[in-house]
Amino acid sequence: MTSVKVAVISLGCSKNLVDSERLMKMFQSVGVETAFEPGPEFFDGPGQVHVVVNTCGFIGDAKEESIEEILSWVDARTSGRIAGLHVMGCLSQRYGSDLKTEIPEVDTWCGKSDWPGLVGAITRRAPGSAIWDRVLTTPPHHAYLKIAEGCDRMCAFCAIPLITGRYTSRPVEEILDEARALAARGVRELNVIAQDLTSYGRDLYGRVEIARLVDSLADIEGIEWIRLHYAYPNEFPLDLLDVMARRGNVCKYLDIALQHADDGVLANMRRHITLAETEALLAEIRRRVPGIHLRTTLMTGFPGETDEAFERMLAFVKRQRFERLGAFAYCEEEDTYAARHFDDIIPQEVKQSRLDRLMALQQEISEEIQQSKVGQTLRVVIDREEPDHYVGRTEFDSPEVDPEVLVDKSTPLRRGEFYDVTIISALPFELIGEVAVCR
């Protein structure tokens, strides 16, 4: 009997990546060999290979990337080079019924979370692994820890609630069991993720419990860093700041998407917060957690954004001097509140021009912040070795999206270990350093 092998292609965000890792573990629990985004050799060896594409469906560019990835495997499926082509994730959840007709070569279209069903469709067996157990595709010293799925915020521009449904928290003890298991495997850095961290627990416990959860995670032996991703500014749980300030292994880093700084645009976006309230919150965060690095996301060209509104956002960014900032131009998403109630009339070239101005301003700010770190000694974890240097990150840098630290190779270093590194120079998106004291 020919063995079955599964290649998993994961697109989109880190939350999708966790889903892919769990799916791979389920396949392994029934004896299937798996590979994450493998090279050609995986397909040339013995065994019938099934390809699973875990898609993203959040914005137009992500949907296009997902469709292109699926289509790139169609020839392999029709020619018999692969035994099956299967699609899961956000795009499949939202558009699967339509795509079945448009891309009939796909064998299975399943929703975002029907991993056991997909395993059964390919192997005719039920997986036996724990719901949180997974293969790690990240470097072995860090992992993403997903604590919830879905979102209740219903922002005007966002399709996530249409895809994922209502906010669903995982129980505290289940999350802690997963974190302990990860620590036992050598994971030392947890990047805690959810569509909205700051609603965690309300659906299960009747109150927000993110502070209690993070405090408990910080007790786990072996966990050196805990970094928090995707907070929402409205109704922000201020007790979380006390935990961040008190616990040494909770990174002074917070990813909090603000989207805009003009009251009219914020109202149109249904963000339920004003500019004054936003600035008061940011001041309180910086007061309670000295040295914190804030990452935010802003949007240009949302309906109702006048030239004056955009200038107010630029002035806001100049005042706040965010350590990390990403931005994108508004793209209408079907069935959202904005698509139903506003006309997308701002020309694309205006959206892009505003985006370019915003990011040019942020680059100036980022360069100044980077230069201010020259001469400081920072704790750095080493992610990988390259021919001329080691590459690491500080507690202020999330994997994949934030600046890295290039460390001189005069001292042998080990991947996954933490070192004190003195910063000797700075580039716009990198710091250059040398080891001060090994830890």
Protein backbone atom coordinates (compact mmCIF):
# COMPACT_ATOMS: atom_id res chain seq x y z
CA MET A 1 0.00 0.00 0.00
CA THR A 2 1.39 3.41 -0.96
CA SER A 3 1.93 5.71 2.00
CA VAL A 4 0.16 9.06 2.28
CA LYS A 5 2.09 12.27 2.75
CA VAL A 6 0.73 15.77 3.33
CA ALA A 7 2.35 19.08 2.39
CA VAL A 8 0.90 22.11 4.18
CA ILE A 9 1.10 25.60 2.68
CA SER A 10 0.15 28.32 5.18
CA LEU A 11 -0.78 31.84 4.07
CA GLY A 12 -1.69 34.96 6.03
CA CYS A 13 -1.24 35.68 9.70
CA SER A 14 0.34 33.92 12.65
CA LYS A 15 -3.12 32.77 13.79
CA ASN A 16 -3.39 30.82 10.53
CA LEU A 17 0.07 29.41 11.14
CA VAL A 18 -1.05 27.96 14.48
CA ASP A 19 -3.99 26.30 12.73
CA SER A 20 -1.60 24.77 10.18
CA GLU A 21 0.64 23.48 12.96
CA ARG A 22 -2.31 21.84 14.72
CA LEU A 23 -3.48 20.26 11.48
CA MET A 24 -0.03 18.79 10.87
CA LYS A 25 -0.01 17.23 14.34
CA MET A 26 -3.42 15.66 13.68
CA PHE A 27 -2.10 14.09 10.50
CA GLN A 28 0.96 12.81 12.33
CA SER A 29 -1.28 11.26 15.01
CA VAL A 30 -2.64 8.87 12.35
CA GLY A 31 0.80 8.05 10.96
CA VAL A 32 0.94 10.50 8.05
CA GLU A 33 4.24 12.11 7.11
CA THR A 34 3.86 15.89 6.90
CA ALA A 35 5.99 18.75 5.65
CA PHE A 36 5.58 22.50 6.00
CA GLU A 37 5.98 24.32 2.68
CA PRO A 38 8.40 21.64 1.42
CA GLY A 39 10.78 21.68 -1.50
CA PRO A 40 10.59 19.53 -4.67
CA GLU A 41 12.26 16.54 -3.03
CA PHE A 42 9.18 15.91 -0.88
CA PHE A 43 7.11 15.34 -4.01
CA ASP A 44 9.66 13.20 -5.85
CA GLY A 45 10.00 10.57 -3.13
CA PRO A 46 7.73 7.58 -2.51
CA GLY A 47 4.18 8.12 -1.35
CA GLN A 48 1.01 9.80 -2.48
CA VAL A 49 1.28 13.51 -1.67
CA HIS A 50 -1.74 15.59 -0.77
CA VAL A 51 -1.35 19.38 -0.69
CA VAL A 52 -3.31 21.44 1.84
CA VAL A 53 -3.46 25.21 1.31
CA ASN A 54 -4.46 27.16 4.42
CA THR A 55 -5.81 30.41 2.99
CA CYS A 56 -6.25 34.00 4.11
CA GLY A 57 -9.35 35.99 3.18
CA PHE A 58 -8.93 39.21 5.14
CA ILE A 59 -8.26 41.83 2.45
CA GLY A 60 -8.12 41.92 -1.34
CA ASP A 61 -4.38 41.31 -1.69
CA ALA A 62 -4.52 38.35 0.69
CA LYS A 63 -7.47 36.82 -1.15
CA GLU A 64 -5.65 37.22 -4.46
CA GLU A 65 -2.53 35.57 -3.04
CA SER A 66 -4.62 32.64 -1.79
CA ILE A 67 -6.33 32.13 -5.14
CA GLU A 68 -2.99 32.28 -6.96
CA GLU A 69 -1.51 29.69 -4.58
CA ILE A 70 -4.43 27.32 -5.13
CA LEU A 71 -4.22 27.73 -8.91
CA SER A 72 -0.47 27.08 -8.82
CA TRP A 73 -1.23 23.50 -7.70
CA VAL A 74 -4.03 22.77 -10.17
CA ASP A 75 -1.73 21.47 -12.91
CA ALA A 76 0.00 19.15 -10.44
CA ARG A 77 -3.40 17.80 -9.42
CA THR A 78 -4.75 17.28 -12.94
CA SER A 79 -1.50 15.67 -14.12
CA GLY A 80 -1.44 13.30 -11.14
CA ARG A 81 1.81 14.62 -9.68
CA ILE A 82 -0.06 15.11 -6.43
CA ALA A 83 -2.81 12.84 -5.18
CA GLY A 84 -5.08 15.55 -3.86
CA LEU A 85 -5.53 19.30 -3.48
CA HIS A 86 -7.36 20.54 -0.40
CA VAL A 87 -8.22 24.06 0.76
CA MET A 88 -8.97 25.30 4.28
CA GLY A 89 -8.84 28.62 6.15
CA CYS A 90 -10.50 32.01 5.93
CA LEU A 91 -10.99 32.18 2.16
CA SER A 92 -12.53 28.72 2.12
CA GLN A 93 -14.73 29.54 5.11
CA ARG A 94 -16.14 32.64 3.43
CA TYR A 95 -16.20 31.75 -0.26
CA GLY A 96 -15.91 27.97 -0.41
CA SER A 97 -19.34 27.34 -1.91
CA ASP A 98 -18.61 29.74 -4.80
CA LEU A 99 -15.05 28.56 -5.34
CA LYS A 100 -16.11 24.93 -5.65
CA THR A 101 -17.63 25.82 -9.00
CA GLU A 102 -14.80 28.08 -10.12
CA ILE A 103 -11.96 25.69 -9.22
CA PRO A 104 -13.40 22.18 -9.54
CA GLU A 105 -9.92 20.62 -9.44
CA VAL A 106 -9.84 21.09 -5.65
CA ASP A 107 -10.79 17.84 -3.91
CA THR A 108 -11.85 19.29 -0.55
CA TRP A 109 -13.06 22.70 0.58
CA CYS A 110 -13.32 22.88 4.34
CA GLY A 111 -13.87 25.66 6.83
CA LYS A 112 -11.41 27.44 9.04
CA SER A 113 -11.43 24.96 11.92
CA ASP A 114 -12.60 21.60 10.56
CA TRP A 115 -9.19 20.00 10.89
CA PRO A 116 -10.50 16.55 11.98
CA GLY A 117 -12.82 16.54 8.97
CA LEU A 118 -9.93 17.25 6.62
CA VAL A 119 -7.81 14.52 8.20
CA GLY A 120 -10.73 12.13 7.78
CA ALA A 121 -11.29 13.13 4.15
CA ILE A 122 -7.69 12.26 3.26
CA THR A 123 -6.95 9.29 5.55
CA ARG A 124 -10.39 7.93 6.51
CA ARG A 125 -9.17 7.98 10.10
CA ALA A 126 -9.96 10.17 13.12
CA PRO A 127 -7.02 12.11 14.61
CA GLY A 128 -5.98 11.33 18.16
CA SER A 129 -3.92 14.32 19.26
CA ALA A 130 -4.94 16.87 21.89
CA ILE A 131 -6.72 19.89 20.45
CA TRP A 132 -3.81 22.17 21.36
CA ASP A 133 -0.93 19.85 20.43
CA ARG A 134 0.95 20.84 17.29
CA VAL A 135 4.05 20.71 15.18
CA LEU A 136 6.25 23.79 15.52
CA THR A 137 7.21 25.43 12.24
CA THR A 138 8.89 28.37 13.97
CA PRO A 139 12.44 28.18 15.32
CA PRO A 140 12.28 25.85 18.35
CA HIS A 141 12.80 28.59 20.92
CA HIS A 142 9.69 30.62 20.11
CA ALA A 143 6.06 29.88 19.34
CA TYR A 144 2.73 31.60 18.85
CA LEU A 145 0.08 30.98 21.50
CA LYS A 146 -3.46 31.57 20.26
CA ILE A 147 -5.84 32.25 23.13
CA ALA A 148 -9.11 33.01 21.33
CA GLU A 149 -10.84 32.94 17.98
CA GLY A 150 -13.29 35.39 16.44
CA CYS A 151 -14.21 39.00 17.19
CA ASP A 152 -17.23 40.88 18.55
CA ARG A 153 -16.05 44.40 17.72
CA MET A 154 -17.75 44.72 14.31
CA CYS A 155 -15.58 47.55 12.98
CA ALA A 156 -17.08 48.97 9.81
CA PHE A 157 -14.20 47.98 7.51
CA CYS A 158 -13.42 44.52 8.86
CA ALA A 159 -14.59 41.15 7.52
CA ILE A 160 -13.04 39.08 10.32
CA PRO A 161 -16.32 38.63 12.28
CA LEU A 162 -17.97 37.48 9.04
CA ILE A 163 -15.30 34.80 8.68
CA THR A 164 -14.53 33.70 12.23
CA GLY A 165 -17.79 34.41 14.02
CA ARG A 166 -18.24 35.63 17.57
CA TYR A 167 -15.39 35.90 20.04
CA THR A 168 -14.58 32.55 21.65
CA SER A 169 -12.01 32.38 24.43
CA ARG A 170 -10.10 29.23 25.21
CA PRO A 171 -10.23 28.21 28.91
CA VAL A 172 -7.34 29.46 31.02
CA GLU A 173 -6.22 25.99 32.07
CA GLU A 174 -6.18 24.71 28.50
CA ILE A 175 -3.96 27.62 27.46
CA LEU A 176 -1.66 27.08 30.43
CA ASP A 177 -1.40 23.35 29.64
CA GLU A 178 -0.36 24.21 26.09
CA ALA A 179 2.16 26.79 27.31
CA ARG A 180 3.67 24.33 29.79
CA ALA A 181 3.97 21.70 27.05
CA LEU A 182 5.68 24.23 24.78
CA ALA A 183 8.11 25.19 27.56
CA ALA A 184 8.90 21.51 28.13
CA ARG A 185 9.83 21.29 24.43
CA GLY A 186 12.32 24.14 24.77
CA VAL A 187 10.15 27.12 23.80
CA ARG A 188 11.35 30.18 25.69
CA GLU A 189 9.38 32.94 23.99
CA LEU A 190 5.59 33.01 23.70
CA ASN A 191 3.94 35.42 21.30
CA VAL A 192 0.37 35.58 22.58
CA ILE A 193 -2.12 36.20 19.77
CA ALA A 194 -5.84 36.71 19.17
CA GLN A 195 -7.95 38.96 16.99
CA ASP A 196 -8.58 40.95 20.19
CA LEU A 197 -6.56 40.11 23.29
CA THR A 198 -8.36 42.70 25.36
CA SER A 199 -11.71 40.86 25.22
CA TYR A 200 -10.21 37.61 26.46
CA GLY A 201 -12.37 35.80 29.00
CA ARG A 202 -15.51 37.91 28.83
CA ASP A 203 -17.49 35.20 27.05
CA LEU A 204 -16.32 32.43 29.42
CA TYR A 205 -16.05 34.16 32.77
CA GLY A 206 -18.25 37.24 32.47
CA ARG A 207 -15.22 39.54 32.82
CA VAL A 208 -11.99 40.28 30.98
CA GLU A 209 -9.25 37.94 32.23
CA ILE A 210 -6.25 38.80 30.07
CA ALA A 211 -4.30 40.17 33.04
CA ARG A 212 -4.84 36.99 35.07
CA LEU A 213 -3.91 34.83 32.10
CA VAL A 214 -0.67 36.71 31.36
CA ASP A 215 0.25 36.70 35.05
CA SER A 216 -0.19 32.91 35.13
CA LEU A 217 1.80 32.43 31.93
CA ALA A 218 4.64 34.40 33.50
CA ASP A 219 4.85 31.78 36.27
CA ILE A 220 5.75 28.97 33.85
CA GLU A 221 9.32 27.84 34.33
CA GLY A 222 11.51 28.33 31.27
CA ILE A 223 9.45 31.07 29.63
CA GLU A 224 11.76 34.05 29.23
CA TRP A 225 9.59 36.35 27.12
CA ILE A 226 5.84 36.83 26.70
CA ARG A 227 4.81 39.28 24.00
CA LEU A 228 1.25 40.53 23.43
CA HIS A 229 -0.36 41.01 20.03
CA TYR A 230 -3.52 42.71 18.89
CA ALA A 231 -5.09 44.76 21.64
CA TYR A 232 -8.13 46.96 21.05
CA PRO A 233 -8.12 50.50 22.50
CA ASN A 234 -11.77 50.78 23.55
CA GLU A 235 -12.39 49.40 27.06
CA PHE A 236 -8.71 48.56 27.44
CA PRO A 237 -8.09 46.51 30.64
CA LEU A 238 -5.70 48.71 32.61
CA ASP A 239 -4.88 45.92 35.08
CA LEU A 240 -2.92 44.30 32.24
CA LEU A 241 -0.45 47.19 32.45
CA ASP A 242 0.24 46.40 36.10
CA VAL A 243 1.17 42.83 35.12
CA MET A 244 3.39 44.08 32.31
CA ALA A 245 5.21 46.43 34.65
CA ARG A 246 5.59 43.89 37.47
CA ARG A 247 6.55 40.71 35.63
CA GLY A 248 10.08 40.73 34.24
CA ASN A 249 9.39 38.13 31.55
CA VAL A 250 6.43 40.02 30.05
CA CYS A 251 7.93 42.08 27.26
CA LYS A 252 7.48 45.83 27.30
CA TYR A 253 5.76 45.59 23.94
CA LEU A 254 2.15 45.97 22.91
CA ASP A 255 0.55 45.68 19.48
CA ILE A 256 -2.54 47.89 19.58
CA ALA A 257 -4.23 48.74 16.28
CA LEU A 258 -5.65 52.28 16.33
CA GLN A 259 -6.64 52.65 12.64
CA HIS A 260 -7.08 56.45 12.66
CA ALA A 261 -6.87 59.64 14.70
CA ASP A 262 -9.72 61.79 13.38
CA ASP A 263 -12.96 61.67 15.35
CA GLY A 264 -15.16 61.70 12.27
CA VAL A 265 -13.29 58.85 10.62
CA LEU A 266 -13.16 56.89 13.87
CA ALA A 267 -16.94 57.25 14.17
CA ASN A 268 -17.43 56.07 10.59
CA MET A 269 -15.17 53.13 11.34
CA ARG A 270 -17.32 52.25 14.39
CA ARG A 271 -14.26 52.18 16.63
CA HIS A 272 -16.14 53.52 19.69
CA ILE A 273 -13.28 55.77 20.79
CA THR A 274 -12.23 59.38 20.21
CA LEU A 275 -8.83 60.92 19.57
CA ALA A 276 -8.77 62.44 23.06
CA GLU A 277 -9.58 59.07 24.64
CA THR A 278 -6.92 57.39 22.50
CA GLU A 279 -4.24 59.84 23.53
CA ALA A 280 -5.21 59.54 27.19
CA LEU A 281 -4.91 55.75 26.95
CA LEU A 282 -1.50 55.90 25.25
CA ALA A 283 -0.25 58.30 27.92
CA GLU A 284 -1.45 55.94 30.64
CA ILE A 285 0.20 52.95 28.98
CA ARG A 286 3.54 54.76 28.77
CA ARG A 287 3.21 56.05 32.33
CA ARG A 288 2.48 52.64 33.84
CA VAL A 289 4.97 50.68 31.71
CA PRO A 290 8.05 52.88 31.28
CA GLY A 291 10.08 52.02 28.20
CA ILE A 292 7.26 50.17 26.46
CA HIS A 293 7.39 49.91 22.67
CA LEU A 294 4.05 50.33 20.96
CA ARG A 295 3.19 48.90 17.58
CA THR A 296 0.09 50.17 15.84
CA THR A 297 -1.69 49.96 12.51
CA LEU A 298 -3.30 52.90 10.69
CA MET A 299 -5.43 53.17 7.58
CA THR A 300 -5.60 55.80 4.85
CA GLY A 301 -8.50 56.54 2.55
CA PHE A 302 -11.42 55.28 4.61
CA PRO A 303 -14.71 56.89 3.51
CA GLY A 304 -14.98 60.36 5.00
CA GLU A 305 -11.23 60.91 5.32
CA THR A 306 -10.78 64.49 4.12
CA ASP A 307 -7.43 66.15 3.60
CA GLU A 308 -7.89 67.77 7.02
CA ALA A 309 -8.66 64.41 8.66
CA PHE A 310 -5.53 62.90 7.17
CA GLU A 311 -3.42 65.83 8.37
CA ARG A 312 -4.80 65.27 11.88
CA MET A 313 -3.60 61.67 11.69
CA LEU A 314 -0.13 62.80 10.58
CA ALA A 315 0.02 65.27 13.47
CA PHE A 316 -1.03 62.47 15.84
CA VAL A 317 1.79 60.24 14.61
CA LYS A 318 4.29 63.09 15.03
CA ARG A 319 3.14 63.57 18.64
CA GLN A 320 3.02 59.92 19.60
CA ARG A 321 6.25 58.75 17.93
CA PHE A 322 5.28 55.10 17.76
CA GLU A 323 8.21 52.74 17.94
CA ARG A 324 6.56 50.44 15.39
CA LEU A 325 3.89 51.37 12.86
CA GLY A 326 2.32 49.68 9.86
CA ALA A 327 -0.33 51.09 7.55
CA PHE A 328 -2.47 50.20 4.56
CA ALA A 329 -4.87 51.87 2.19
CA TYR A 330 -8.56 51.16 2.63
CA CYS A 331 -9.98 48.45 0.39
CA GLU A 332 -13.72 47.87 0.48
CA GLU A 333 -14.70 44.41 1.73
CA GLU A 334 -18.06 43.08 0.60
CA ASP A 335 -20.82 42.64 3.19
CA THR A 336 -19.07 44.80 5.78
CA TYR A 337 -20.85 47.77 7.36
CA ALA A 338 -18.68 50.17 5.37
CA ALA A 339 -19.51 48.47 2.08
CA ARG A 340 -23.21 48.69 2.84
CA HIS A 341 -23.31 52.26 4.15
CA PHE A 342 -20.46 54.26 2.54
CA ASP A 343 -19.34 54.92 -1.00
CA ASP A 344 -15.68 54.15 -1.60
CA ILE A 345 -15.08 57.36 -3.55
CA ILE A 346 -11.57 58.40 -2.52
CA PRO A 347 -9.36 57.70 -5.57
CA GLN A 348 -6.78 54.96 -5.17
CA GLU A 349 -3.96 57.36 -6.06
CA VAL A 350 -5.04 59.65 -3.18
CA LYS A 351 -5.13 56.72 -0.76
CA GLN A 352 -1.67 55.64 -1.89
CA SER A 353 -0.23 59.16 -1.74
CA ARG A 354 -1.44 59.53 1.83
CA LEU A 355 -0.07 56.12 2.70
CA ASP A 356 3.32 57.05 1.24
CA ARG A 357 3.42 60.29 3.25
CA LEU A 358 2.45 58.49 6.43
CA MET A 359 5.12 55.83 6.04
CA ALA A 360 7.77 58.38 5.09
CA LEU A 361 7.04 60.20 8.34
CA GLN A 362 7.19 56.97 10.29
CA GLN A 363 10.52 56.05 8.72
CA GLU A 364 11.99 59.31 10.01
CA ILE A 365 10.65 58.57 13.48
CA SER A 366 11.86 54.97 13.37
CA GLU A 367 15.35 56.01 12.32
CA GLU A 368 15.56 58.46 15.22
CA ILE A 369 14.38 55.82 17.69
CA GLN A 370 16.85 53.30 16.28
CA GLN A 371 19.72 55.79 16.61
CA SER A 372 18.76 56.48 20.23
CA LYS A 373 19.63 52.88 21.07
CA VAL A 374 23.26 53.19 20.03
CA GLY A 375 25.37 52.71 23.14
CA GLN A 376 22.66 50.81 25.02
CA THR A 377 23.08 47.21 26.11
CA LEU A 378 19.98 45.18 25.29
CA ARG A 379 18.97 41.59 25.88
CA VAL A 380 18.85 39.75 22.55
CA VAL A 381 17.67 36.27 21.58
CA ILE A 382 19.52 34.70 18.65
CA ASP A 383 17.17 33.44 15.92
CA ARG A 384 19.64 32.27 13.27
CA GLU A 385 23.20 32.36 11.99
CA GLU A 386 24.16 33.88 8.65
CA PRO A 387 27.59 33.92 6.96
CA ASP A 388 28.67 37.31 8.32
CA HIS A 389 26.68 37.67 11.54
CA TYR A 390 24.12 36.25 13.93
CA VAL A 391 20.56 37.58 13.70
CA GLY A 392 18.53 38.21 16.83
CA ARG A 393 15.78 40.32 18.36
CA THR A 394 15.18 42.35 21.48
CA GLU A 395 12.05 42.15 23.63
CA PHE A 396 10.76 45.07 21.53
CA ASP A 397 10.80 43.05 18.31
CA SER A 398 8.20 40.52 17.26
CA PRO A 399 9.29 37.81 14.78
CA GLU A 400 8.88 38.54 11.08
CA VAL A 401 7.51 42.10 11.40
CA ASP A 402 9.93 44.13 13.53
CA PRO A 403 13.60 45.18 13.29
CA GLU A 404 16.37 42.66 13.92
CA VAL A 405 19.75 42.87 15.63
CA LEU A 406 22.84 41.83 13.67
CA VAL A 407 25.47 40.56 16.10
CA ASP A 408 29.19 40.29 15.36
CA LYS A 409 30.48 36.70 15.07
CA SER A 410 33.66 37.27 17.08
CA THR A 411 31.98 35.41 19.96
CA PRO A 412 30.33 32.02 19.20
CA LEU A 413 26.61 32.22 19.99
CA ARG A 414 23.83 29.64 20.08
CA ARG A 415 20.42 29.89 18.48
CA GLY A 416 17.66 30.28 21.04
CA GLU A 417 19.97 31.65 23.73
CA PHE A 418 19.79 35.13 25.25
CA TYR A 419 22.77 37.50 25.37
CA ASP A 420 23.50 41.03 26.46
CA VAL A 421 24.37 42.92 23.29
CA THR A 422 25.79 46.43 23.12
CA ILE A 423 24.41 48.38 20.17
CA ILE A 424 27.24 50.02 18.21
CA SER A 425 25.33 51.39 15.20
CA ALA A 426 21.83 51.57 13.75
CA LEU A 427 20.15 51.26 10.37
CA PRO A 428 16.50 52.13 9.65
CA PHE A 429 15.33 48.56 10.24
CA GLU A 430 18.30 46.88 11.91
CA LEU A 431 20.59 47.38 14.87
CA ILE A 432 24.26 46.36 14.83
CA GLY A 433 25.74 45.03 18.04
CA GLU A 434 28.41 43.03 19.78
CA VAL A 435 28.10 40.70 22.74
CA ALA A 436 28.72 42.38 26.08
CA VAL A 437 28.06 39.56 28.58
CA CYS A 438 26.88 36.03 27.87
CA ARG A 439 23.84 34.93 29.86
